[in-house]
């Protein structure tokens, strides 16, 4: 599953809009957010933690905070949107 998600993320182009679903510790529930990849999120990127968790930094398009960047840990699903 992680390999499939990783492949989907790596196949995305700059400014692609997508929906990403993952378990958010902050809310203690599975959430879905609309995001995109931009220059800042590309620098922060995609990585695997020493514990084997897949992490992905993205620009949250619905963010209502000063910092719109989020990290999805072990994304369950990612779906590119045609806009």
PDB file of N, CA and C in Angstrom:
ATOM      1  N   UNK A   1       0.832  -1.201   0.000  1.00  0.00           N
ATOM      2  CA  UNK A   1       0.000   0.000   0.000  1.00  0.00           C
ATOM      3  C   UNK A   1       0.872   1.259   0.000  1.00  0.00           C
ATOM      4  N   UNK A   2       1.883   1.297   0.915  1.00  0.00           N
ATOM      5  CA  UNK A   2       2.749   2.477   0.989  1.00  0.00           C
ATOM      6  C   UNK A   2       3.472   2.720  -0.328  1.00  0.00           C
ATOM      7  N   UNK A   3       3.917   1.633  -0.982  1.00  0.00           N
ATOM      8  CA  UNK A   3       4.642   1.797  -2.243  1.00  0.00           C
ATOM      9  C   UNK A   3       3.750   2.410  -3.313  1.00  0.00           C
ATOM     10  N   UNK A   4       2.483   1.992  -3.351  1.00  0.00           N
ATOM     11  CA  UNK A   4       1.536   2.532  -4.317  1.00  0.00           C
ATOM     12  C   UNK A   4       1.318   4.030  -4.076  1.00  0.00           C
ATOM     13  N   UNK A   5       1.128   4.421  -2.826  1.00  0.00           N
ATOM     14  CA  UNK A   5       0.937   5.840  -2.476  1.00  0.00           C
ATOM     15  C   UNK A   5       2.190   6.630  -2.847  1.00  0.00           C
ATOM     16  N   UNK A   6       3.350   6.078  -2.512  1.00  0.00           N
ATOM     17  CA  UNK A   6       4.617   6.749  -2.812  1.00  0.00           C
ATOM     18  C   UNK A   6       4.756   6.976  -4.316  1.00  0.00           C
ATOM     19  N   UNK A   7       4.426   5.962  -5.115  1.00  0.00           N
ATOM     20  CA  UNK A   7       4.495   6.087  -6.572  1.00  0.00           C
ATOM     21  C   UNK A   7       3.546   7.181  -7.074  1.00  0.00           C
ATOM     22  N   UNK A   8       2.342   7.239  -6.504  1.00  0.00           N
ATOM     23  CA  UNK A   8       1.376   8.264  -6.915  1.00  0.00           C
ATOM     24  C   UNK A   8       1.901   9.664  -6.595  1.00  0.00           C
ATOM     25  N   UNK A   9       2.492   9.818  -5.427  1.00  0.00           N
ATOM     26  CA  UNK A   9       3.033  11.125  -5.036  1.00  0.00           C
ATOM     27  C   UNK A   9       4.179  11.519  -5.957  1.00  0.00           C
ATOM     28  N   UNK A  10       5.081  10.592  -6.216  1.00  0.00           N
ATOM     29  CA  UNK A  10       6.232  10.886  -7.075  1.00  0.00           C
ATOM     30  C   UNK A  10       5.820  11.199  -8.513  1.00  0.00           C
ATOM     31  N   UNK A  11       4.680  10.690  -8.941  1.00  0.00           N
ATOM     32  CA  UNK A  11       4.208  10.923 -10.313  1.00  0.00           C
ATOM     33  C   UNK A  11       3.524  12.290 -10.465  1.00  0.00           C
ATOM     34  N   UNK A  12       3.226  12.949  -9.356  1.00  0.00           N
ATOM     35  CA  UNK A  12       2.546  14.244  -9.435  1.00  0.00           C
ATOM     36  C   UNK A  12       3.484  15.324  -9.951  1.00  0.00           C
ATOM     37  N   UNK A  13       2.873  16.281 -10.653  1.00  0.00           N
ATOM     38  CA  UNK A  13       3.624  17.412 -11.196  1.00  0.00           C
ATOM     39  C   UNK A  13       3.400  18.638 -10.313  1.00  0.00           C
ATOM     40  N   UNK A  14       4.260  19.630 -10.485  1.00  0.00           N
ATOM     41  CA  UNK A  14       4.084  20.893  -9.761  1.00  0.00           C
ATOM     42  C   UNK A  14       2.681  21.430  -9.987  1.00  0.00           C
ATOM     43  N   UNK A  15       2.110  21.919  -8.919  1.00  0.00           N
ATOM     44  CA  UNK A  15       0.797  22.558  -8.937  1.00  0.00           C
ATOM     45  C   UNK A  15      -0.372  21.602  -9.162  1.00  0.00           C
ATOM     46  N   UNK A  16      -0.128  20.280  -9.232  1.00  0.00           N
ATOM     47  CA  UNK A  16      -1.252  19.337  -9.287  1.00  0.00           C
ATOM     48  C   UNK A  16      -2.074  19.495  -8.015  1.00  0.00           C
ATOM     49  N   UNK A  17      -3.374  19.465  -8.146  1.00  0.00           N
ATOM     50  CA  UNK A  17      -4.283  19.553  -7.010  1.00  0.00           C
ATOM     51  C   UNK A  17      -4.736  18.125  -6.688  1.00  0.00           C
ATOM     52  N   UNK A  18      -4.804  17.796  -5.416  1.00  0.00           N
ATOM     53  CA  UNK A  18      -5.165  16.433  -5.016  1.00  0.00           C
ATOM     54  C   UNK A  18      -5.915  16.438  -3.694  1.00  0.00           C
ATOM     55  N   UNK A  19      -6.566  15.315  -3.419  1.00  0.00           N
ATOM     56  CA  UNK A  19      -7.153  15.048  -2.114  1.00  0.00           C
ATOM     57  C   UNK A  19      -6.280  13.993  -1.449  1.00  0.00           C
ATOM     58  N   UNK A  20      -5.913  14.225  -0.210  1.00  0.00           N
ATOM     59  CA  UNK A  20      -5.085  13.278   0.522  1.00  0.00           C
ATOM     60  C   UNK A  20      -5.811  12.893   1.815  1.00  0.00           C
ATOM     61  N   UNK A  21      -5.824  11.605   2.100  1.00  0.00           N
ATOM     62  CA  UNK A  21      -6.517  11.075   3.273  1.00  0.00           C
ATOM     63  C   UNK A  21      -5.501  10.373   4.164  1.00  0.00           C
ATOM     64  N   UNK A  22      -5.534  10.719   5.452  1.00  0.00           N
ATOM     65  CA  UNK A  22      -4.610  10.107   6.412  1.00  0.00           C
ATOM     66  C   UNK A  22      -5.132  10.275   7.833  1.00  0.00           C
ATOM     67  N   UNK A  23      -4.571   9.500   8.745  1.00  0.00           N
ATOM     68  CA  UNK A  23      -4.939   9.618  10.156  1.00  0.00           C
ATOM     69  C   UNK A  23      -4.174  10.798  10.746  1.00  0.00           C
ATOM     70  N   UNK A  24      -4.908  11.756  11.316  1.00  0.00           N
ATOM     71  CA  UNK A  24      -4.281  12.929  11.928  1.00  0.00           C
ATOM     72  C   UNK A  24      -4.277  12.757  13.443  1.00  0.00           C
ATOM     73  N   UNK A  25      -3.087  12.662  14.013  1.00  0.00           N
ATOM     74  CA  UNK A  25      -2.968  12.525  15.471  1.00  0.00           C
ATOM     75  C   UNK A  25      -3.652  13.684  16.183  1.00  0.00           C
ATOM     76  N   UNK A  26      -3.497  14.879  15.640  1.00  0.00           N
ATOM     77  CA  UNK A  26      -4.059  16.084  16.264  1.00  0.00           C
ATOM     78  C   UNK A  26      -5.568  15.952  16.503  1.00  0.00           C
ATOM     79  N   UNK A  27      -6.276  15.372  15.547  1.00  0.00           N
ATOM     80  CA  UNK A  27      -7.725  15.241  15.639  1.00  0.00           C
ATOM     81  C   UNK A  27      -8.173  13.843  16.076  1.00  0.00           C
ATOM     82  N   UNK A  28      -7.216  12.925  16.094  1.00  0.00           N
ATOM     83  CA  UNK A  28      -7.488  11.518  16.433  1.00  0.00           C
ATOM     84  C   UNK A  28      -8.555  10.912  15.520  1.00  0.00           C
ATOM     85  N   UNK A  29      -8.447  11.247  14.243  1.00  0.00           N
ATOM     86  CA  UNK A  29      -9.374  10.684  13.263  1.00  0.00           C
ATOM     87  C   UNK A  29      -8.771  10.754  11.865  1.00  0.00           C
ATOM     88  N   UNK A  30      -9.391  10.043  10.955  1.00  0.00           N
ATOM     89  CA  UNK A  30      -8.955  10.069   9.561  1.00  0.00           C
ATOM     90  C   UNK A  30      -9.554  11.315   8.913  1.00  0.00           C
ATOM     91  N   UNK A  31      -8.691  12.088   8.255  1.00  0.00           N
ATOM     92  CA  UNK A  31      -9.124  13.329   7.611  1.00  0.00           C
ATOM     93  C   UNK A  31      -8.761  13.313   6.125  1.00  0.00           C
ATOM     94  N   UNK A  32      -9.438  14.132   5.372  1.00  0.00           N
ATOM     95  CA  UNK A  32      -9.126  14.325   3.954  1.00  0.00           C
ATOM     96  C   UNK A  32      -8.929  15.817   3.735  1.00  0.00           C
ATOM     97  N   UNK A  33      -7.848  16.158   3.074  1.00  0.00           N
ATOM     98  CA  UNK A  33      -7.531  17.561   2.806  1.00  0.00           C
ATOM     99  C   UNK A  33      -7.258  17.753   1.316  1.00  0.00           C
ATOM    100  N   UNK A  34      -7.529  18.963   0.835  1.00  0.00           N
ATOM    101  CA  UNK A  34      -7.206  19.334  -0.549  1.00  0.00           C
ATOM    102  C   UNK A  34      -5.845  20.010  -0.518  1.00  0.00           C
ATOM    103  N   UNK A  35      -4.938  19.553  -1.365  1.00  0.00           N
ATOM    104  CA  UNK A  35      -3.597  20.117  -1.349  1.00  0.00           C
ATOM    105  C   UNK A  35      -2.970  20.204  -2.723  1.00  0.00           C
ATOM    106  N   UNK A  36      -1.740  20.708  -2.709  1.00  0.00           N
ATOM    107  CA  UNK A  36      -0.953  20.773  -3.943  1.00  0.00           C
ATOM    108  C   UNK A  36       0.524  20.693  -3.569  1.00  0.00           C
ATOM    109  N   UNK A  37       1.328  20.415  -4.567  1.00  0.00           N
ATOM    110  CA  UNK A  37       2.774  20.416  -4.400  1.00  0.00           C
ATOM    111  C   UNK A  37       3.270  21.741  -4.965  1.00  0.00           C
ATOM    112  N   UNK A  38       4.082  22.442  -4.184  1.00  0.00           N
ATOM    113  CA  UNK A  38       4.686  23.680  -4.677  1.00  0.00           C
ATOM    114  C   UNK A  38       6.174  23.663  -4.321  1.00  0.00           C
ATOM    115  N   UNK A  39       6.865  24.768  -4.584  1.00  0.00           N
ATOM    116  CA  UNK A  39       8.312  24.793  -4.359  1.00  0.00           C
ATOM    117  C   UNK A  39       8.692  24.482  -2.918  1.00  0.00           C
ATOM    118  N   UNK A  40       7.973  25.032  -1.958  1.00  0.00           N
ATOM    119  CA  UNK A  40       8.310  24.796  -0.551  1.00  0.00           C
ATOM    120  C   UNK A  40       8.042  23.352  -0.151  1.00  0.00           C
ATOM    121  N   UNK A  41       6.909  22.804  -0.568  1.00  0.00           N
ATOM    122  CA  UNK A  41       6.614  21.421  -0.189  1.00  0.00           C
ATOM    123  C   UNK A  41       7.566  20.445  -0.881  1.00  0.00           C
ATOM    124  N   UNK A  42       8.048  20.792  -2.086  1.00  0.00           N
ATOM    125  CA  UNK A  42       9.014  19.922  -2.764  1.00  0.00           C
ATOM    126  C   UNK A  42      10.314  19.849  -1.980  1.00  0.00           C
ATOM    127  N   UNK A  43      10.740  20.986  -1.393  1.00  0.00           N
ATOM    128  CA  UNK A  43      11.984  21.011  -0.613  1.00  0.00           C
ATOM    129  C   UNK A  43      11.821  20.131   0.628  1.00  0.00           C
ATOM    130  N   UNK A  44      10.667  20.268   1.281  1.00  0.00           N
ATOM    131  CA  UNK A  44      10.410  19.453   2.476  1.00  0.00           C
ATOM    132  C   UNK A  44      10.179  18.001   2.092  1.00  0.00           C
ATOM    133  N   UNK A  45       9.469  17.788   1.007  1.00  0.00           N
ATOM    134  CA  UNK A  45       9.382  16.522   0.338  1.00  0.00           C
ATOM    135  C   UNK A  45       8.663  15.324   0.907  1.00  0.00           C
ATOM    136  N   UNK A  46       9.220  14.178   0.560  1.00  0.00           N
ATOM    137  CA  UNK A  46       8.688  12.868   0.860  1.00  0.00           C
ATOM    138  C   UNK A  46       9.811  12.073   1.492  1.00  0.00           C
ATOM    139  N   UNK A  47       9.559  11.468   2.645  1.00  0.00           N
ATOM    140  CA  UNK A  47      10.613  10.707   3.318  1.00  0.00           C
ATOM    141  C   UNK A  47      10.004   9.597   4.150  1.00  0.00           C
ATOM    142  N   UNK A  48      10.870   8.672   4.552  1.00  0.00           N
ATOM    143  CA  UNK A  48      10.481   7.569   5.430  1.00  0.00           C
ATOM    144  C   UNK A  48      11.233   7.747   6.738  1.00  0.00           C
ATOM    145  N   UNK A  49      10.508   7.665   7.845  1.00  0.00           N
ATOM    146  CA  UNK A  49      11.122   7.822   9.167  1.00  0.00           C
ATOM    147  C   UNK A  49      11.888   6.550   9.538  1.00  0.00           C
ATOM    148  N   UNK A  50      12.749   6.625  10.558  1.00  0.00           N
ATOM    149  CA  UNK A  50      13.456   5.417  11.007  1.00  0.00           C
ATOM    150  C   UNK A  50      12.498   4.288  11.434  1.00  0.00           C
ATOM    151  N   UNK A  51      11.279   4.646  11.833  1.00  0.00           N
ATOM    152  CA  UNK A  51      10.288   3.627  12.216  1.00  0.00           C
ATOM    153  C   UNK A  51       9.532   3.074  11.012  1.00  0.00           C
ATOM    154  N   UNK A  52       9.847   3.580   9.814  1.00  0.00           N
ATOM    155  CA  UNK A  52       9.210   3.070   8.604  1.00  0.00           C
ATOM    156  C   UNK A  52       7.941   3.786   8.187  1.00  0.00           C
ATOM    157  N   UNK A  53       7.641   4.935   8.795  1.00  0.00           N
ATOM    158  CA  UNK A  53       6.461   5.708   8.421  1.00  0.00           C
ATOM    159  C   UNK A  53       6.747   6.567   7.201  1.00  0.00           C
ATOM    160  N   UNK A  54       5.832   6.555   6.240  1.00  0.00           N
ATOM    161  CA  UNK A  54       5.951   7.386   5.056  1.00  0.00           C
ATOM    162  C   UNK A  54       5.375   8.760   5.381  1.00  0.00           C
ATOM    163  N   UNK A  55       6.156   9.816   5.182  1.00  0.00           N
ATOM    164  CA  UNK A  55       5.728  11.185   5.464  1.00  0.00           C
ATOM    165  C   UNK A  55       5.798  12.012   4.190  1.00  0.00           C
ATOM    166  N   UNK A  56       4.812  12.887   4.023  1.00  0.00           N
ATOM    167  CA  UNK A  56       4.710  13.694   2.817  1.00  0.00           C
ATOM    168  C   UNK A  56       4.269  15.105   3.187  1.00  0.00           C
ATOM    169  N   UNK A  57       5.068  16.082   2.819  1.00  0.00           N
ATOM    170  CA  UNK A  57       4.744  17.485   3.073  1.00  0.00           C
ATOM    171  C   UNK A  57       3.978  18.027   1.869  1.00  0.00           C
ATOM    172  N   UNK A  58       2.884  18.730   2.153  1.00  0.00           N
ATOM    173  CA  UNK A  58       2.077  19.308   1.079  1.00  0.00           C
ATOM    174  C   UNK A  58       1.513  20.656   1.514  1.00  0.00           C
ATOM    175  N   UNK A  59       1.067  21.432   0.552  1.00  0.00           N
ATOM    176  CA  UNK A  59       0.430  22.728   0.791  1.00  0.00           C
ATOM    177  C   UNK A  59      -1.069  22.473   0.938  1.00  0.00           C
ATOM    178  N   UNK A  60      -1.606  22.725   2.125  1.00  0.00           N
ATOM    179  CA  UNK A  60      -3.032  22.538   2.403  1.00  0.00           C
ATOM    180  C   UNK A  60      -3.788  23.746   1.859  1.00  0.00           C
ATOM    181  N   UNK A  61      -4.578  23.533   0.821  1.00  0.00           N
ATOM    182  CA  UNK A  61      -5.284  24.636   0.164  1.00  0.00           C
ATOM    183  C   UNK A  61      -6.431  25.201   1.003  1.00  0.00           C
ATOM    184  N   UNK A  62      -6.895  24.451   1.983  1.00  0.00           N
ATOM    185  CA  UNK A  62      -7.984  24.922   2.839  1.00  0.00           C
ATOM    186  C   UNK A  62      -7.480  25.444   4.183  1.00  0.00           C
ATOM    187  N   UNK A  63      -6.172  25.553   4.335  1.00  0.00           N
ATOM    188  CA  UNK A  63      -5.595  25.984   5.615  1.00  0.00           C
ATOM    189  C   UNK A  63      -6.050  27.391   5.970  1.00  0.00           C
ATOM    190  N   UNK A  64      -6.397  27.555   7.228  1.00  0.00           N
ATOM    191  CA  UNK A  64      -6.816  28.869   7.716  1.00  0.00           C
ATOM    192  C   UNK A  64      -5.783  29.425   8.695  1.00  0.00           C
ATOM    193  N   UNK A  65      -4.557  28.968   8.567  1.00  0.00           N
ATOM    194  CA  UNK A  65      -3.492  29.416   9.450  1.00  0.00           C
ATOM    195  C   UNK A  65      -2.410  30.115   8.634  1.00  0.00           C
ATOM    196  N   UNK A  66      -1.487  30.754   9.342  1.00  0.00           N
ATOM    197  CA  UNK A  66      -0.380  31.453   8.692  1.00  0.00           C
ATOM    198  C   UNK A  66       0.493  30.489   7.887  1.00  0.00           C
ATOM    199  N   UNK A  67       0.701  29.287   8.417  1.00  0.00           N
ATOM    200  CA  UNK A  67       1.530  28.283   7.755  1.00  0.00           C
ATOM    201  C   UNK A  67       0.631  27.230   7.104  1.00  0.00           C
ATOM    202  N   UNK A  68       0.543  27.213   5.768  1.00  0.00           N
ATOM    203  CA  UNK A  68      -0.370  26.274   5.108  1.00  0.00           C
ATOM    204  C   UNK A  68       0.220  24.883   4.853  1.00  0.00           C
ATOM    205  N   UNK A  69       1.424  24.617   5.355  1.00  0.00           N
ATOM    206  CA  UNK A  69       2.070  23.338   5.072  1.00  0.00           C
ATOM    207  C   UNK A  69       1.742  22.302   6.131  1.00  0.00           C
ATOM    208  N   UNK A  70       1.431  21.083   5.663  1.00  0.00           N
ATOM    209  CA  UNK A  70       1.085  19.973   6.541  1.00  0.00           C
ATOM    210  C   UNK A  70       1.937  18.770   6.184  1.00  0.00           C
ATOM    211  N   UNK A  71       2.069  17.868   7.134  1.00  0.00           N
ATOM    212  CA  UNK A  71       2.755  16.607   6.870  1.00  0.00           C
ATOM    213  C   UNK A  71       1.769  15.476   7.092  1.00  0.00           C
ATOM    214  N   UNK A  72       1.538  14.709   6.056  1.00  0.00           N
ATOM    215  CA  UNK A  72       0.679  13.529   6.143  1.00  0.00           C
ATOM    216  C   UNK A  72       1.576  12.340   6.447  1.00  0.00           C
ATOM    217  N   UNK A  73       1.266  11.619   7.512  1.00  0.00           N
ATOM    218  CA  UNK A  73       2.037  10.432   7.876  1.00  0.00           C
ATOM    219  C   UNK A  73       1.236   9.201   7.479  1.00  0.00           C
ATOM    220  N   UNK A  74       1.875   8.326   6.737  1.00  0.00           N
ATOM    221  CA  UNK A  74       1.243   7.099   6.226  1.00  0.00           C
ATOM    222  C   UNK A  74      -0.089   7.381   5.541  1.00  0.00           C
ATOM    223  N   UNK A  75      -0.059   8.194   4.471  1.00  0.00           N
ATOM    224  CA  UNK A  75      -1.308   8.494   3.764  1.00  0.00           C
ATOM    225  C   UNK A  75      -2.032   7.206   3.353  1.00  0.00           C
ATOM    226  N   UNK A  76      -3.342   7.215   3.509  1.00  0.00           N
ATOM    227  CA  UNK A  76      -4.153   6.059   3.151  1.00  0.00           C
ATOM    228  C   UNK A  76      -4.569   6.105   1.684  1.00  0.00           C
ATOM    229  N   UNK A  77      -4.739   7.341   1.182  1.00  0.00           N
ATOM    230  CA  UNK A  77      -5.228   7.512  -0.184  1.00  0.00           C
ATOM    231  C   UNK A  77      -4.810   8.889  -0.685  1.00  0.00           C
ATOM    232  N   UNK A  78      -4.483   8.965  -1.969  1.00  0.00           N
ATOM    233  CA  UNK A  78      -4.228  10.251  -2.605  1.00  0.00           C
ATOM    234  C   UNK A  78      -4.833  10.192  -3.998  1.00  0.00           C
ATOM    235  N   UNK A  79      -5.577  11.228  -4.342  1.00  0.00           N
ATOM    236  CA  UNK A  79      -6.311  11.247  -5.593  1.00  0.00           C
ATOM    237  C   UNK A  79      -6.124  12.596  -6.270  1.00  0.00           C
ATOM    238  N   UNK A  80      -5.546  12.578  -7.472  1.00  0.00           N
ATOM    239  CA  UNK A  80      -5.349  13.818  -8.223  1.00  0.00           C
ATOM    240  C   UNK A  80      -6.689  14.299  -8.761  1.00  0.00           C
ATOM    241  N   UNK A  81      -6.921  15.611  -8.623  1.00  0.00           N
ATOM    242  CA  UNK A  81      -8.163  16.208  -9.111  1.00  0.00           C
ATOM    243  C   UNK A  81      -7.914  16.893 -10.444  1.00  0.00           C
ATOM    244  N   UNK A  82      -8.835  16.744 -11.361  1.00  0.00           N
ATOM    245  CA  UNK A  82      -8.749  17.471 -12.635  1.00  0.00           C
ATOM    246  C   UNK A  82      -9.506  18.780 -12.454  1.00  0.00           C
ATOM    247  N   UNK A  83      -8.757  19.875 -12.510  1.00  0.00           N
ATOM    248  CA  UNK A  83      -9.379  21.180 -12.284  1.00  0.00           C
ATOM    249  C   UNK A  83      -9.327  22.024 -13.518  1.00  0.00           C
TER     250      UNK A  83
END
